[in-house]
Amino acid sequence: MNKTIRVSIFTLIGAFMLAIMPLPEWAVEFRPDWVTLVLVYWAMALPTKIGVTIAWLCGLLLDVSYGTLMGQHAVGMVLVIYVIHLQHQRLRVASLLQQAIVIFFLLFIKQLLELWVDGMLGRAPDSWFYFMPTITSTLLWPWIYLILRDLRRKFSVEKHYQY
């Protein structure tokens, strides 16, 4: 297993641990979308290694972890990573603020898809706090980006482009 795979798997495992970590009752609605943020970074940094298949598998693992309908998180993650793949060259040269704005809209659309499924199942939320993970994730994006970029540089993970 090469260094690229090991580092990306390590960071995804860390994101899953943060995603399922118990939080105080008041903080549960503010939990960032850790797994999607880490996937977005790796899809931008290594577009030939991290793609929609990995996003689908991570989404299914989240569905199992959260006990939601199978595919609910997976569809949203696939949509987000697909758009990131389409625009990864533009996003890589954009400022962190511009990246955060794009990520805000992608995560908002992902949450709207999840809300739609929850509504069809009769589990619609009763407050606007449902969208707080999008806001907290957007606010954390610059730090996630910088931490993962430093990890990538520290372990000399190369960019593998095949154009």
N, C-alpha and C. Protein backbone atom coordinates (compact mmCIF):
# COMPACT_ATOMS: atom_id res chain seq x y z
N MET A 1 0.86 -1.17 0.00
CA MET A 1 0.00 0.00 0.00
C MET A 1 0.91 1.23 0.00
N ASN A 2 0.71 2.11 -0.96
CA ASN A 2 1.62 3.26 -1.06
C ASN A 2 1.23 4.36 -0.08
N LYS A 3 2.12 5.34 0.00
CA LYS A 3 1.98 6.43 0.96
C LYS A 3 0.70 7.23 0.75
N THR A 4 0.34 7.45 -0.50
CA THR A 4 -0.86 8.24 -0.81
C THR A 4 -2.10 7.59 -0.21
N ILE A 5 -2.24 6.31 -0.41
CA ILE A 5 -3.41 5.58 0.10
C ILE A 5 -3.41 5.58 1.62
N ARG A 6 -2.25 5.34 2.22
CA ARG A 6 -2.17 5.28 3.68
C ARG A 6 -2.57 6.61 4.33
N VAL A 7 -2.04 7.71 3.81
CA VAL A 7 -2.34 9.02 4.41
C VAL A 7 -3.82 9.36 4.23
N SER A 8 -4.37 9.12 3.05
CA SER A 8 -5.78 9.46 2.83
C SER A 8 -6.70 8.57 3.67
N ILE A 9 -6.37 7.29 3.81
CA ILE A 9 -7.18 6.40 4.65
C ILE A 9 -7.09 6.82 6.11
N PHE A 10 -5.90 7.17 6.57
CA PHE A 10 -5.71 7.63 7.95
C PHE A 10 -6.58 8.85 8.25
N THR A 11 -6.58 9.82 7.34
CA THR A 11 -7.38 11.03 7.57
C THR A 11 -8.87 10.73 7.48
N LEU A 12 -9.27 9.82 6.61
CA LEU A 12 -10.70 9.45 6.54
C LEU A 12 -11.14 8.72 7.80
N ILE A 13 -10.28 7.87 8.34
CA ILE A 13 -10.61 7.19 9.60
C ILE A 13 -10.76 8.22 10.72
N GLY A 14 -9.87 9.21 10.75
CA GLY A 14 -9.99 10.28 11.73
C GLY A 14 -11.29 11.05 11.57
N ALA A 15 -11.69 11.31 10.32
CA ALA A 15 -12.94 12.02 10.06
C ALA A 15 -14.14 11.18 10.52
N PHE A 16 -14.10 9.88 10.29
CA PHE A 16 -15.19 9.01 10.75
C PHE A 16 -15.26 8.99 12.28
N MET A 17 -14.10 8.99 12.92
CA MET A 17 -14.09 9.00 14.38
C MET A 17 -14.70 10.30 14.91
N LEU A 18 -14.37 11.42 14.28
CA LEU A 18 -14.97 12.70 14.68
C LEU A 18 -16.47 12.73 14.38
N ALA A 19 -16.89 12.04 13.32
CA ALA A 19 -18.30 12.05 12.94
C ALA A 19 -19.17 11.26 13.91
N ILE A 20 -18.62 10.23 14.52
CA ILE A 20 -19.44 9.41 15.42
C ILE A 20 -19.12 9.65 16.89
N MET A 21 -18.20 10.56 17.16
CA MET A 21 -17.83 10.87 18.54
C MET A 21 -19.03 11.44 19.30
N PRO A 22 -19.28 10.96 20.51
CA PRO A 22 -20.39 11.52 21.29
C PRO A 22 -20.13 12.99 21.63
N LEU A 23 -21.18 13.78 21.53
CA LEU A 23 -21.11 15.20 21.86
C LEU A 23 -22.17 15.53 22.89
N PRO A 24 -22.01 16.63 23.61
CA PRO A 24 -23.08 17.06 24.51
C PRO A 24 -24.35 17.34 23.71
N GLU A 25 -25.47 17.24 24.36
CA GLU A 25 -26.77 17.40 23.69
C GLU A 25 -26.87 18.72 22.92
N TRP A 26 -26.35 19.80 23.50
CA TRP A 26 -26.46 21.11 22.86
C TRP A 26 -25.58 21.22 21.61
N ALA A 27 -24.54 20.39 21.50
CA ALA A 27 -23.58 20.50 20.40
C ALA A 27 -23.86 19.56 19.24
N VAL A 28 -24.79 18.63 19.40
CA VAL A 28 -25.04 17.63 18.37
C VAL A 28 -25.46 18.28 17.05
N GLU A 29 -26.30 19.30 17.13
CA GLU A 29 -26.79 19.93 15.90
C GLU A 29 -25.73 20.77 15.20
N PHE A 30 -24.61 21.02 15.85
CA PHE A 30 -23.54 21.84 15.28
C PHE A 30 -22.38 21.00 14.74
N ARG A 31 -22.52 19.67 14.76
CA ARG A 31 -21.44 18.77 14.33
C ARG A 31 -21.12 19.02 12.85
N PRO A 32 -19.86 19.34 12.54
CA PRO A 32 -19.49 19.54 11.13
C PRO A 32 -19.56 18.23 10.35
N ASP A 33 -19.62 18.34 9.05
CA ASP A 33 -19.64 17.17 8.17
C ASP A 33 -18.19 16.78 7.87
N TRP A 34 -17.54 16.17 8.86
CA TRP A 34 -16.12 15.88 8.80
C TRP A 34 -15.73 15.03 7.60
N VAL A 35 -16.47 13.97 7.37
CA VAL A 35 -16.10 13.03 6.30
C VAL A 35 -16.17 13.71 4.94
N THR A 36 -17.22 14.48 4.71
CA THR A 36 -17.34 15.16 3.42
C THR A 36 -16.22 16.19 3.25
N LEU A 37 -15.87 16.91 4.29
CA LEU A 37 -14.79 17.89 4.20
C LEU A 37 -13.46 17.22 3.83
N VAL A 38 -13.16 16.10 4.47
CA VAL A 38 -11.91 15.39 4.17
C VAL A 38 -11.96 14.84 2.75
N LEU A 39 -13.09 14.30 2.34
CA LEU A 39 -13.22 13.81 0.97
C LEU A 39 -13.06 14.93 -0.05
N VAL A 40 -13.61 16.08 0.24
CA VAL A 40 -13.48 17.22 -0.67
C VAL A 40 -12.02 17.60 -0.82
N TYR A 41 -11.30 17.65 0.28
CA TYR A 41 -9.88 18.00 0.19
C TYR A 41 -9.14 17.00 -0.69
N TRP A 42 -9.31 15.71 -0.41
CA TRP A 42 -8.57 14.70 -1.17
C TRP A 42 -9.02 14.64 -2.62
N ALA A 43 -10.29 14.91 -2.88
CA ALA A 43 -10.76 14.94 -4.28
C ALA A 43 -10.14 16.11 -5.03
N MET A 44 -9.88 17.22 -4.34
CA MET A 44 -9.20 18.35 -4.97
C MET A 44 -7.71 18.07 -5.14
N ALA A 45 -7.09 17.49 -4.12
CA ALA A 45 -5.65 17.28 -4.14
C ALA A 45 -5.24 16.08 -5.00
N LEU A 46 -6.02 15.02 -4.95
CA LEU A 46 -5.69 13.78 -5.68
C LEU A 46 -6.91 13.31 -6.47
N PRO A 47 -7.26 14.03 -7.52
CA PRO A 47 -8.50 13.69 -8.22
C PRO A 47 -8.50 12.32 -8.90
N THR A 48 -7.33 11.77 -9.19
CA THR A 48 -7.30 10.45 -9.82
C THR A 48 -7.39 9.32 -8.80
N LYS A 49 -7.18 9.63 -7.52
CA LYS A 49 -7.20 8.60 -6.48
C LYS A 49 -8.50 8.58 -5.69
N ILE A 50 -9.05 9.74 -5.41
CA ILE A 50 -10.27 9.84 -4.60
C ILE A 50 -11.39 10.33 -5.51
N GLY A 51 -12.39 9.49 -5.69
CA GLY A 51 -13.48 9.83 -6.60
C GLY A 51 -14.84 9.47 -6.05
N VAL A 52 -15.78 9.33 -6.96
CA VAL A 52 -17.16 9.09 -6.56
C VAL A 52 -17.35 7.71 -5.94
N THR A 53 -16.53 6.74 -6.32
CA THR A 53 -16.66 5.41 -5.72
C THR A 53 -16.29 5.46 -4.24
N ILE A 54 -15.20 6.13 -3.93
CA ILE A 54 -14.80 6.28 -2.52
C ILE A 54 -15.87 7.08 -1.76
N ALA A 55 -16.41 8.12 -2.41
CA ALA A 55 -17.47 8.92 -1.78
C ALA A 55 -18.69 8.05 -1.50
N TRP A 56 -19.06 7.20 -2.44
CA TRP A 56 -20.22 6.32 -2.26
C TRP A 56 -19.99 5.38 -1.08
N LEU A 57 -18.80 4.78 -1.01
CA LEU A 57 -18.51 3.85 0.09
C LEU A 57 -18.49 4.58 1.44
N CYS A 58 -17.89 5.77 1.48
CA CYS A 58 -17.88 6.54 2.73
C CYS A 58 -19.31 6.94 3.13
N GLY A 59 -20.13 7.29 2.16
CA GLY A 59 -21.52 7.63 2.45
C GLY A 59 -22.29 6.45 3.00
N LEU A 60 -22.06 5.26 2.44
CA LEU A 60 -22.72 4.07 2.96
C LEU A 60 -22.26 3.76 4.38
N LEU A 61 -20.96 3.96 4.65
CA LEU A 61 -20.46 3.75 6.02
C LEU A 61 -21.10 4.74 6.99
N LEU A 62 -21.30 5.98 6.54
CA LEU A 62 -21.99 6.95 7.40
C LEU A 62 -23.44 6.56 7.63
N ASP A 63 -24.09 6.05 6.59
CA ASP A 63 -25.47 5.60 6.74
C ASP A 63 -25.57 4.49 7.79
N VAL A 64 -24.62 3.56 7.75
CA VAL A 64 -24.61 2.48 8.73
C VAL A 64 -24.31 3.04 10.12
N SER A 65 -23.36 3.97 10.21
CA SER A 65 -22.98 4.54 11.51
C SER A 65 -24.12 5.32 12.15
N TYR A 66 -24.85 6.08 11.34
CA TYR A 66 -25.93 6.92 11.86
C TYR A 66 -27.28 6.19 11.90
N GLY A 67 -27.36 5.04 11.28
CA GLY A 67 -28.62 4.31 11.25
C GLY A 67 -29.67 4.95 10.36
N THR A 68 -29.23 5.61 9.30
CA THR A 68 -30.16 6.25 8.37
C THR A 68 -30.44 5.32 7.20
N LEU A 69 -31.32 5.75 6.34
CA LEU A 69 -31.67 4.99 5.15
C LEU A 69 -30.42 4.76 4.30
N MET A 70 -30.19 3.53 3.87
CA MET A 70 -29.00 3.23 3.07
C MET A 70 -28.99 4.05 1.79
N GLY A 71 -27.92 4.78 1.60
CA GLY A 71 -27.76 5.61 0.42
C GLY A 71 -28.08 7.07 0.63
N GLN A 72 -28.65 7.42 1.77
CA GLN A 72 -29.05 8.81 2.03
C GLN A 72 -27.83 9.74 2.03
N HIS A 73 -26.80 9.40 2.77
CA HIS A 73 -25.59 10.21 2.79
C HIS A 73 -24.76 9.95 1.53
N ALA A 74 -24.82 8.73 1.03
CA ALA A 74 -23.99 8.36 -0.12
C ALA A 74 -24.33 9.18 -1.36
N VAL A 75 -25.60 9.39 -1.62
CA VAL A 75 -26.00 10.16 -2.81
C VAL A 75 -25.51 11.59 -2.70
N GLY A 76 -25.66 12.18 -1.54
CA GLY A 76 -25.19 13.55 -1.35
C GLY A 76 -23.68 13.67 -1.51
N MET A 77 -22.95 12.71 -0.95
CA MET A 77 -21.49 12.75 -1.08
C MET A 77 -21.04 12.56 -2.52
N VAL A 78 -21.69 11.66 -3.23
CA VAL A 78 -21.34 11.46 -4.63
C VAL A 78 -21.57 12.73 -5.43
N LEU A 79 -22.67 13.41 -5.17
CA LEU A 79 -22.95 14.67 -5.87
C LEU A 79 -21.87 15.71 -5.56
N VAL A 80 -21.51 15.86 -4.31
CA VAL A 80 -20.50 16.84 -3.91
C VAL A 80 -19.15 16.52 -4.57
N ILE A 81 -18.72 15.27 -4.49
CA ILE A 81 -17.41 14.90 -5.04
C ILE A 81 -17.42 14.97 -6.56
N TYR A 82 -18.54 14.68 -7.19
CA TYR A 82 -18.63 14.81 -8.65
C TYR A 82 -18.42 16.27 -9.07
N VAL A 83 -19.07 17.19 -8.38
CA VAL A 83 -18.89 18.61 -8.71
C VAL A 83 -17.46 19.05 -8.42
N ILE A 84 -16.89 18.57 -7.33
CA ILE A 84 -15.49 18.90 -7.02
C ILE A 84 -14.58 18.39 -8.13
N HIS A 85 -14.84 17.19 -8.62
CA HIS A 85 -14.02 16.65 -9.71
C HIS A 85 -14.15 17.49 -10.98
N LEU A 86 -15.34 17.95 -11.25
CA LEU A 86 -15.52 18.78 -12.44
C LEU A 86 -14.76 20.10 -12.34
N GLN A 87 -14.65 20.63 -11.13
CA GLN A 87 -14.07 21.96 -10.92
C GLN A 87 -12.78 21.96 -10.11
N HIS A 88 -12.12 20.82 -9.96
CA HIS A 88 -10.97 20.77 -9.05
C HIS A 88 -9.83 21.69 -9.46
N GLN A 89 -9.61 21.87 -10.73
CA GLN A 89 -8.51 22.75 -11.15
C GLN A 89 -8.80 24.21 -10.79
N ARG A 90 -10.04 24.62 -10.96
CA ARG A 90 -10.41 25.99 -10.58
C ARG A 90 -10.38 26.18 -9.07
N LEU A 91 -10.87 25.17 -8.34
CA LEU A 91 -10.91 25.30 -6.89
C LEU A 91 -9.52 25.30 -6.27
N ARG A 92 -8.59 24.58 -6.86
CA ARG A 92 -7.23 24.53 -6.30
C ARG A 92 -6.55 25.89 -6.33
N VAL A 93 -6.87 26.73 -7.33
CA VAL A 93 -6.23 28.04 -7.42
C VAL A 93 -7.07 29.14 -6.79
N ALA A 94 -8.26 28.80 -6.32
CA ALA A 94 -9.12 29.78 -5.67
C ALA A 94 -8.62 30.03 -4.25
N SER A 95 -8.98 31.18 -3.71
CA SER A 95 -8.62 31.48 -2.32
C SER A 95 -9.44 30.59 -1.38
N LEU A 96 -9.00 30.53 -0.13
CA LEU A 96 -9.74 29.72 0.85
C LEU A 96 -11.15 30.25 1.06
N LEU A 97 -11.34 31.55 0.98
CA LEU A 97 -12.67 32.12 1.11
C LEU A 97 -13.57 31.68 -0.05
N GLN A 98 -13.03 31.73 -1.26
CA GLN A 98 -13.82 31.29 -2.42
C GLN A 98 -14.12 29.79 -2.34
N GLN A 99 -13.15 29.01 -1.90
CA GLN A 99 -13.40 27.58 -1.72
C GLN A 99 -14.48 27.35 -0.68
N ALA A 100 -14.43 28.10 0.41
CA ALA A 100 -15.42 27.95 1.48
C ALA A 100 -16.82 28.28 0.97
N ILE A 101 -16.94 29.27 0.12
CA ILE A 101 -18.26 29.63 -0.44
C ILE A 101 -18.79 28.50 -1.30
N VAL A 102 -17.94 27.93 -2.15
CA VAL A 102 -18.36 26.80 -2.99
C VAL A 102 -18.75 25.62 -2.12
N ILE A 103 -17.95 25.34 -1.10
CA ILE A 103 -18.24 24.22 -0.22
C ILE A 103 -19.53 24.45 0.55
N PHE A 104 -19.79 25.69 0.94
CA PHE A 104 -21.06 26.00 1.61
C PHE A 104 -22.25 25.59 0.74
N PHE A 105 -22.23 25.99 -0.53
CA PHE A 105 -23.35 25.68 -1.40
C PHE A 105 -23.46 24.18 -1.68
N LEU A 106 -22.33 23.51 -1.85
CA LEU A 106 -22.37 22.06 -2.07
C LEU A 106 -22.90 21.32 -0.85
N LEU A 107 -22.45 21.71 0.33
CA LEU A 107 -22.94 21.05 1.55
C LEU A 107 -24.41 21.39 1.81
N PHE A 108 -24.82 22.59 1.44
CA PHE A 108 -26.23 22.98 1.59
C PHE A 108 -27.11 22.11 0.68
N ILE A 109 -26.68 21.90 -0.55
CA ILE A 109 -27.44 21.04 -1.47
C ILE A 109 -27.46 19.61 -0.94
N LYS A 110 -26.33 19.14 -0.41
CA LYS A 110 -26.27 17.79 0.17
C LYS A 110 -27.27 17.67 1.32
N GLN A 111 -27.32 18.68 2.17
CA GLN A 111 -28.27 18.62 3.29
C GLN A 111 -29.71 18.73 2.82
N LEU A 112 -29.95 19.49 1.76
CA LEU A 112 -31.32 19.54 1.21
C LEU A 112 -31.75 18.18 0.71
N LEU A 113 -30.84 17.44 0.07
CA LEU A 113 -31.17 16.08 -0.37
C LEU A 113 -31.50 15.19 0.83
N GLU A 114 -30.69 15.29 1.89
CA GLU A 114 -30.95 14.49 3.09
C GLU A 114 -32.26 14.90 3.75
N LEU A 115 -32.55 16.19 3.75
CA LEU A 115 -33.82 16.68 4.31
C LEU A 115 -35.00 16.15 3.51
N TRP A 116 -34.85 16.12 2.20
CA TRP A 116 -35.92 15.61 1.33
C TRP A 116 -36.22 14.15 1.67
N VAL A 117 -35.16 13.34 1.82
CA VAL A 117 -35.36 11.93 2.16
C VAL A 117 -35.98 11.80 3.55
N ASP A 118 -35.48 12.57 4.51
CA ASP A 118 -36.06 12.53 5.86
C ASP A 118 -37.53 12.94 5.83
N GLY A 119 -37.87 13.94 5.03
CA GLY A 119 -39.26 14.38 4.91
C GLY A 119 -40.15 13.30 4.33
N MET A 120 -39.64 12.59 3.32
CA MET A 120 -40.43 11.51 2.72
C MET A 120 -40.64 10.36 3.71
N LEU A 121 -39.69 10.19 4.63
CA LEU A 121 -39.81 9.13 5.64
C LEU A 121 -40.57 9.58 6.88
N GLY A 122 -40.99 10.86 6.90
CA GLY A 122 -41.73 11.37 8.04
C GLY A 122 -40.86 11.74 9.22
N ARG A 123 -39.58 11.99 8.96
CA ARG A 123 -38.65 12.36 10.03
C ARG A 123 -38.09 13.76 9.83
N ALA A 124 -38.89 14.65 9.31
CA ALA A 124 -38.41 16.01 9.05
C ALA A 124 -38.07 16.71 10.36
N PRO A 125 -37.00 17.50 10.37
CA PRO A 125 -36.63 18.21 11.61
C PRO A 125 -37.63 19.31 11.92
N ASP A 126 -37.62 19.73 13.17
CA ASP A 126 -38.59 20.74 13.59
C ASP A 126 -37.96 22.13 13.77
N SER A 127 -36.68 22.28 13.41
CA SER A 127 -36.05 23.59 13.56
C SER A 127 -35.05 23.83 12.43
N TRP A 128 -34.63 25.08 12.32
CA TRP A 128 -33.65 25.46 11.31
C TRP A 128 -32.24 25.07 11.71
N PHE A 129 -32.07 24.56 12.92
CA PHE A 129 -30.74 24.10 13.34
C PHE A 129 -30.27 22.91 12.52
N TYR A 130 -31.18 22.34 11.73
CA TYR A 130 -30.82 21.23 10.85
C TYR A 130 -29.68 21.62 9.91
N PHE A 131 -29.61 22.90 9.53
CA PHE A 131 -28.61 23.36 8.57
C PHE A 131 -27.33 23.87 9.24
N MET A 132 -27.21 23.78 10.53
CA MET A 132 -26.02 24.25 11.23
C MET A 132 -24.74 23.50 10.85
N PRO A 133 -24.80 22.19 10.56
CA PRO A 133 -23.56 21.52 10.12
C PRO A 133 -22.96 22.15 8.86
N THR A 134 -23.80 22.67 7.98
CA THR A 134 -23.28 23.33 6.78
C THR A 134 -22.49 24.57 7.16
N ILE A 135 -23.00 25.33 8.10
CA ILE A 135 -22.33 26.56 8.53
C ILE A 135 -21.04 26.23 9.28
N THR A 136 -21.08 25.29 10.21
CA THR A 136 -19.87 24.95 10.96
C THR A 136 -18.82 24.32 10.04
N SER A 137 -19.25 23.51 9.09
CA SER A 137 -18.30 22.92 8.14
C SER A 137 -17.64 24.00 7.29
N THR A 138 -18.41 24.96 6.86
CA THR A 138 -17.87 26.06 6.05
C THR A 138 -16.86 26.86 6.85
N LEU A 139 -17.17 27.12 8.11
CA LEU A 139 -16.24 27.87 8.95
C LEU A 139 -14.96 27.09 9.24
N LEU A 140 -15.06 25.77 9.28
CA LEU A 140 -13.88 24.95 9.55
C LEU A 140 -13.05 24.64 8.30
N TRP A 141 -13.60 24.87 7.12
CA TRP A 141 -12.90 24.49 5.89
C TRP A 141 -11.47 25.03 5.80
N PRO A 142 -11.22 26.32 6.07
CA PRO A 142 -9.83 26.79 5.94
C PRO A 142 -8.85 26.00 6.82
N TRP A 143 -9.25 25.67 8.04
CA TRP A 143 -8.37 24.92 8.93
C TRP A 143 -8.20 23.48 8.45
N ILE A 144 -9.28 22.86 8.01
CA ILE A 144 -9.20 21.49 7.47
C ILE A 144 -8.25 21.48 6.28
N TYR A 145 -8.41 22.44 5.39
CA TYR A 145 -7.57 22.53 4.19
C TYR A 145 -6.10 22.67 4.59
N LEU A 146 -5.81 23.57 5.49
CA LEU A 146 -4.41 23.82 5.89
C LEU A 146 -3.80 22.61 6.60
N ILE A 147 -4.56 21.97 7.48
CA ILE A 147 -4.05 20.80 8.20
C ILE A 147 -3.78 19.65 7.23
N LEU A 148 -4.73 19.37 6.34
CA LEU A 148 -4.54 18.26 5.41
C LEU A 148 -3.45 18.57 4.39
N ARG A 149 -3.32 19.82 3.98
CA ARG A 149 -2.25 20.19 3.06
C ARG A 149 -0.89 20.00 3.73
N ASP A 150 -0.79 20.39 4.99
CA ASP A 150 0.47 20.18 5.71
C ASP A 150 0.79 18.69 5.88
N LEU A 151 -0.22 17.88 6.16
CA LEU A 151 -0.02 16.43 6.23
C LEU A 151 0.45 15.87 4.90
N ARG A 152 -0.19 16.32 3.83
CA ARG A 152 0.18 15.86 2.49
C ARG A 152 1.63 16.22 2.19
N ARG A 153 2.04 17.42 2.55
CA ARG A 153 3.42 17.85 2.31
C ARG A 153 4.40 17.13 3.23
N LYS A 154 4.02 16.94 4.49
CA LYS A 154 4.90 16.28 5.44
C LYS A 154 5.21 14.85 5.01
N PHE A 155 4.22 14.15 4.51
CA PHE A 155 4.41 12.77 4.09
C PHE A 155 4.71 12.65 2.60
N SER A 156 4.96 13.77 1.95
CA SER A 156 5.35 13.82 0.53
C SER A 156 4.37 13.07 -0.37
N VAL A 157 3.10 13.28 -0.13
CA VAL A 157 2.07 12.69 -0.98
C VAL A 157 2.03 13.51 -2.27
N GLU A 158 2.28 12.85 -3.38
CA GLU A 158 2.36 13.53 -4.66
C GLU A 158 1.01 13.66 -5.30
N LYS A 159 0.93 14.67 -6.17
CA LYS A 159 -0.26 14.82 -6.99
C LYS A 159 -0.10 13.91 -8.19
N HIS A 160 -1.13 13.15 -8.49
CA HIS A 160 -1.08 12.23 -9.62
C HIS A 160 -2.12 12.66 -10.64
N TYR A 161 -1.69 13.42 -11.60
CA TYR A 161 -2.60 13.86 -12.66
C TYR A 161 -2.40 13.00 -13.89
N GLN A 162 -3.48 12.66 -14.52
CA GLN A 162 -3.42 11.91 -15.76
C GLN A 162 -4.32 12.59 -16.78
N TYR A 163 -3.76 13.53 -17.50
CA TYR A 163 -4.56 14.26 -18.48
C TYR A 163 -4.15 13.90 -19.88
